[in-house]
Amino acid sequence: INAEYMGESCRNLYEMICVECGYPVNDVYREFSKGNIRLTRCDHCGKYADKYVEYELVIIFLDLILLKSQVYRHILFNQMPYQERGIDVNIIKTAIGAVVLD
């Protein structure tokens, strides 16, 4: 979470970020009924906050191989549980996988 966009008191409100611009967002989609979701647009850039919510794992994996920064933001910020301290094991695995594939 980028601290320049928000004050210290707002830190817990924003646990996800826009994968396009990195701006904090409250949620990346809204669920109206089971299986019926609508993607949220970012207030800062106007694009979908996280388009990878609807993508299949194969597409996400291909974008990882292509080193697209948006998919890394999706995995690191919008899929992993938020932690104040420490590095999650899955982040370390993702980083090692990216280095090996590079």
C-alpha atoms as a PDB file:
ATOM      1  CA  ILE A   1       0.000   0.000   0.000  1.00  0.00           C
ATOM      2  CA  ASN A   2       1.405   3.328  -1.045  1.00  0.00           C
ATOM      3  CA  ALA A   3       1.411   5.674   1.966  1.00  0.00           C
ATOM      4  CA  GLU A   4       1.589   8.848  -0.159  1.00  0.00           C
ATOM      5  CA  TYR A   5      -2.054   8.410  -1.227  1.00  0.00           C
ATOM      6  CA  MET A   6      -3.502   8.159   2.263  1.00  0.00           C
ATOM      7  CA  GLY A   7      -2.984   9.077   5.871  1.00  0.00           C
ATOM      8  CA  GLU A   8      -1.987   6.665   8.588  1.00  0.00           C
ATOM      9  CA  SER A   9      -5.581   6.474   9.899  1.00  0.00           C
ATOM     10  CA  CYS A  10      -6.908   5.225   6.540  1.00  0.00           C
ATOM     11  CA  ARG A  11      -4.431   2.361   6.210  1.00  0.00           C
ATOM     12  CA  ASN A  12      -6.915  -0.368   7.223  1.00  0.00           C
ATOM     13  CA  LEU A  13      -9.638   0.864   4.831  1.00  0.00           C
ATOM     14  CA  TYR A  14      -7.534   0.189   1.741  1.00  0.00           C
ATOM     15  CA  GLU A  15      -6.249  -3.352   1.559  1.00  0.00           C
ATOM     16  CA  MET A  16      -6.224  -3.635  -2.244  1.00  0.00           C
ATOM     17  CA  ILE A  17      -4.734  -1.563  -5.036  1.00  0.00           C
ATOM     18  CA  CYS A  18      -5.542  -0.799  -8.645  1.00  0.00           C
ATOM     19  CA  VAL A  19      -3.335  -3.058 -10.766  1.00  0.00           C
ATOM     20  CA  GLU A  20      -3.027  -0.371 -13.453  1.00  0.00           C
ATOM     21  CA  CYS A  21      -1.861   2.652 -11.420  1.00  0.00           C
ATOM     22  CA  GLY A  22      -1.197   1.334  -7.889  1.00  0.00           C
ATOM     23  CA  TYR A  23      -3.764   3.624  -6.261  1.00  0.00           C
ATOM     24  CA  PRO A  24      -5.493   2.118  -3.180  1.00  0.00           C
ATOM     25  CA  VAL A  25      -9.091   0.941  -3.653  1.00  0.00           C
ATOM     26  CA  ASN A  26     -11.691  -0.385  -1.225  1.00  0.00           C
ATOM     27  CA  ASP A  27     -12.618  -3.390  -3.373  1.00  0.00           C
ATOM     28  CA  VAL A  28     -11.901  -4.702  -6.855  1.00  0.00           C
ATOM     29  CA  TYR A  29     -15.378  -6.093  -7.535  1.00  0.00           C
ATOM     30  CA  ARG A  30     -18.897  -6.168  -6.126  1.00  0.00           C
ATOM     31  CA  GLU A  31     -20.906  -9.367  -5.899  1.00  0.00           C
ATOM     32  CA  PHE A  32     -24.636  -8.928  -6.511  1.00  0.00           C
ATOM     33  CA  SER A  33     -25.563 -12.602  -6.311  1.00  0.00           C
ATOM     34  CA  LYS A  34     -23.677 -15.874  -6.451  1.00  0.00           C
ATOM     35  CA  GLY A  35     -21.561 -15.821  -9.599  1.00  0.00           C
ATOM     36  CA  ASN A  36     -22.762 -12.343 -10.614  1.00  0.00           C
ATOM     37  CA  ILE A  37     -19.976  -9.809 -10.080  1.00  0.00           C
ATOM     38  CA  ARG A  38     -19.163  -6.384 -11.455  1.00  0.00           C
ATOM     39  CA  LEU A  39     -15.608  -5.078 -11.607  1.00  0.00           C
ATOM     40  CA  THR A  40     -14.919  -1.794  -9.831  1.00  0.00           C
ATOM     41  CA  ARG A  41     -13.311   1.121 -11.678  1.00  0.00           C
ATOM     42  CA  CYS A  42     -10.405   2.987 -10.111  1.00  0.00           C
ATOM     43  CA  ASP A  43     -11.208   6.559  -9.079  1.00  0.00           C
ATOM     44  CA  HIS A  44      -7.677   7.666  -9.976  1.00  0.00           C
ATOM     45  CA  CYS A  45      -7.109   6.258 -13.503  1.00  0.00           C
ATOM     46  CA  GLY A  46     -10.644   5.233 -14.545  1.00  0.00           C
ATOM     47  CA  LYS A  47      -9.641   1.693 -15.583  1.00  0.00           C
ATOM     48  CA  TYR A  48     -10.820  -1.527 -13.965  1.00  0.00           C
ATOM     49  CA  ALA A  49      -9.146  -1.869 -10.575  1.00  0.00           C
ATOM     50  CA  ASP A  50      -8.244  -5.546 -11.075  1.00  0.00           C
ATOM     51  CA  LYS A  51      -9.122  -7.160 -14.388  1.00  0.00           C
ATOM     52  CA  TYR A  52      -7.409 -10.392 -13.343  1.00  0.00           C
ATOM     53  CA  VAL A  53     -10.312 -11.295 -11.036  1.00  0.00           C
ATOM     54  CA  GLU A  54     -12.157 -12.668 -14.078  1.00  0.00           C
ATOM     55  CA  TYR A  55      -9.134 -14.229 -15.815  1.00  0.00           C
ATOM     56  CA  GLU A  56      -8.346 -17.943 -15.847  1.00  0.00           C
ATOM     57  CA  LEU A  57      -5.166 -19.179 -14.163  1.00  0.00           C
ATOM     58  CA  VAL A  58      -3.581 -19.999 -17.532  1.00  0.00           C
ATOM     59  CA  ILE A  59      -3.895 -16.375 -18.661  1.00  0.00           C
ATOM     60  CA  ILE A  60      -2.505 -15.156 -15.342  1.00  0.00           C
ATOM     61  CA  PHE A  61       0.424 -17.558 -15.660  1.00  0.00           C
ATOM     62  CA  LEU A  62       1.139 -16.389 -19.231  1.00  0.00           C
ATOM     63  CA  ASP A  63       1.151 -12.757 -18.080  1.00  0.00           C
ATOM     64  CA  LEU A  64       3.576 -13.765 -15.306  1.00  0.00           C
ATOM     65  CA  ILE A  65       5.904 -15.220 -17.926  1.00  0.00           C
ATOM     66  CA  LEU A  66       5.575 -12.014 -19.964  1.00  0.00           C
ATOM     67  CA  LEU A  67       6.564 -10.061 -16.810  1.00  0.00           C
ATOM     68  CA  LYS A  68       3.514  -7.770 -16.831  1.00  0.00           C
ATOM     69  CA  SER A  69       3.560  -5.566 -13.749  1.00  0.00           C
ATOM     70  CA  GLN A  70      -0.233  -5.623 -13.435  1.00  0.00           C
ATOM     71  CA  VAL A  71      -0.359  -9.370 -12.795  1.00  0.00           C
ATOM     72  CA  TYR A  72       2.325  -9.076 -10.121  1.00  0.00           C
ATOM     73  CA  ARG A  73       0.281  -6.364  -8.395  1.00  0.00           C
ATOM     74  CA  HIS A  74      -2.766  -8.630  -8.612  1.00  0.00           C
ATOM     75  CA  ILE A  75      -0.950 -11.519  -6.943  1.00  0.00           C
ATOM     76  CA  LEU A  76       1.047  -9.586  -4.356  1.00  0.00           C
ATOM     77  CA  PHE A  77      -1.527  -7.020  -3.251  1.00  0.00           C
ATOM     78  CA  ASN A  78      -5.001  -8.289  -4.143  1.00  0.00           C
ATOM     79  CA  GLN A  79      -4.657 -12.040  -3.597  1.00  0.00           C
ATOM     80  CA  MET A  80      -2.353 -12.279  -0.593  1.00  0.00           C
ATOM     81  CA  PRO A  81      -3.667 -11.396   2.868  1.00  0.00           C
ATOM     82  CA  TYR A  82      -2.479  -7.985   4.056  1.00  0.00           C
ATOM     83  CA  GLN A  83       0.384  -8.038   6.583  1.00  0.00           C
ATOM     84  CA  GLU A  84       1.983  -5.160   8.425  1.00  0.00           C
ATOM     85  CA  ARG A  85       5.294  -6.973   8.872  1.00  0.00           C
ATOM     86  CA  GLY A  86       7.272  -9.779   7.336  1.00  0.00           C
ATOM     87  CA  ILE A  87       7.298 -11.367   3.919  1.00  0.00           C
ATOM     88  CA  ASP A  88       4.756 -14.027   3.063  1.00  0.00           C
ATOM     89  CA  VAL A  89       6.176 -17.357   1.872  1.00  0.00           C
ATOM     90  CA  ASN A  90       4.088 -17.153  -1.312  1.00  0.00           C
ATOM     91  CA  ILE A  91       5.715 -13.846  -2.210  1.00  0.00           C
ATOM     92  CA  ILE A  92       9.153 -15.412  -1.880  1.00  0.00           C
ATOM     93  CA  LYS A  93       8.066 -18.349  -4.070  1.00  0.00           C
ATOM     94  CA  THR A  94       6.678 -15.958  -6.696  1.00  0.00           C
ATOM     95  CA  ALA A  95       9.896 -13.934  -6.715  1.00  0.00           C
ATOM     96  CA  ILE A  96      12.048 -17.054  -7.106  1.00  0.00           C
ATOM     97  CA  GLY A  97       9.787 -18.297  -9.900  1.00  0.00           C
ATOM     98  CA  ALA A  98      10.055 -14.949 -11.694  1.00  0.00           C
ATOM     99  CA  VAL A  99      13.853 -15.003 -11.475  1.00  0.00           C
ATOM    100  CA  VAL A 100      14.008 -18.592 -12.750  1.00  0.00           C
ATOM    101  CA  LEU A 101      11.665 -17.830 -15.647  1.00  0.00           C
ATOM    102  CA  ASP A 102      13.548 -14.674 -16.526  1.00  0.00           C
END
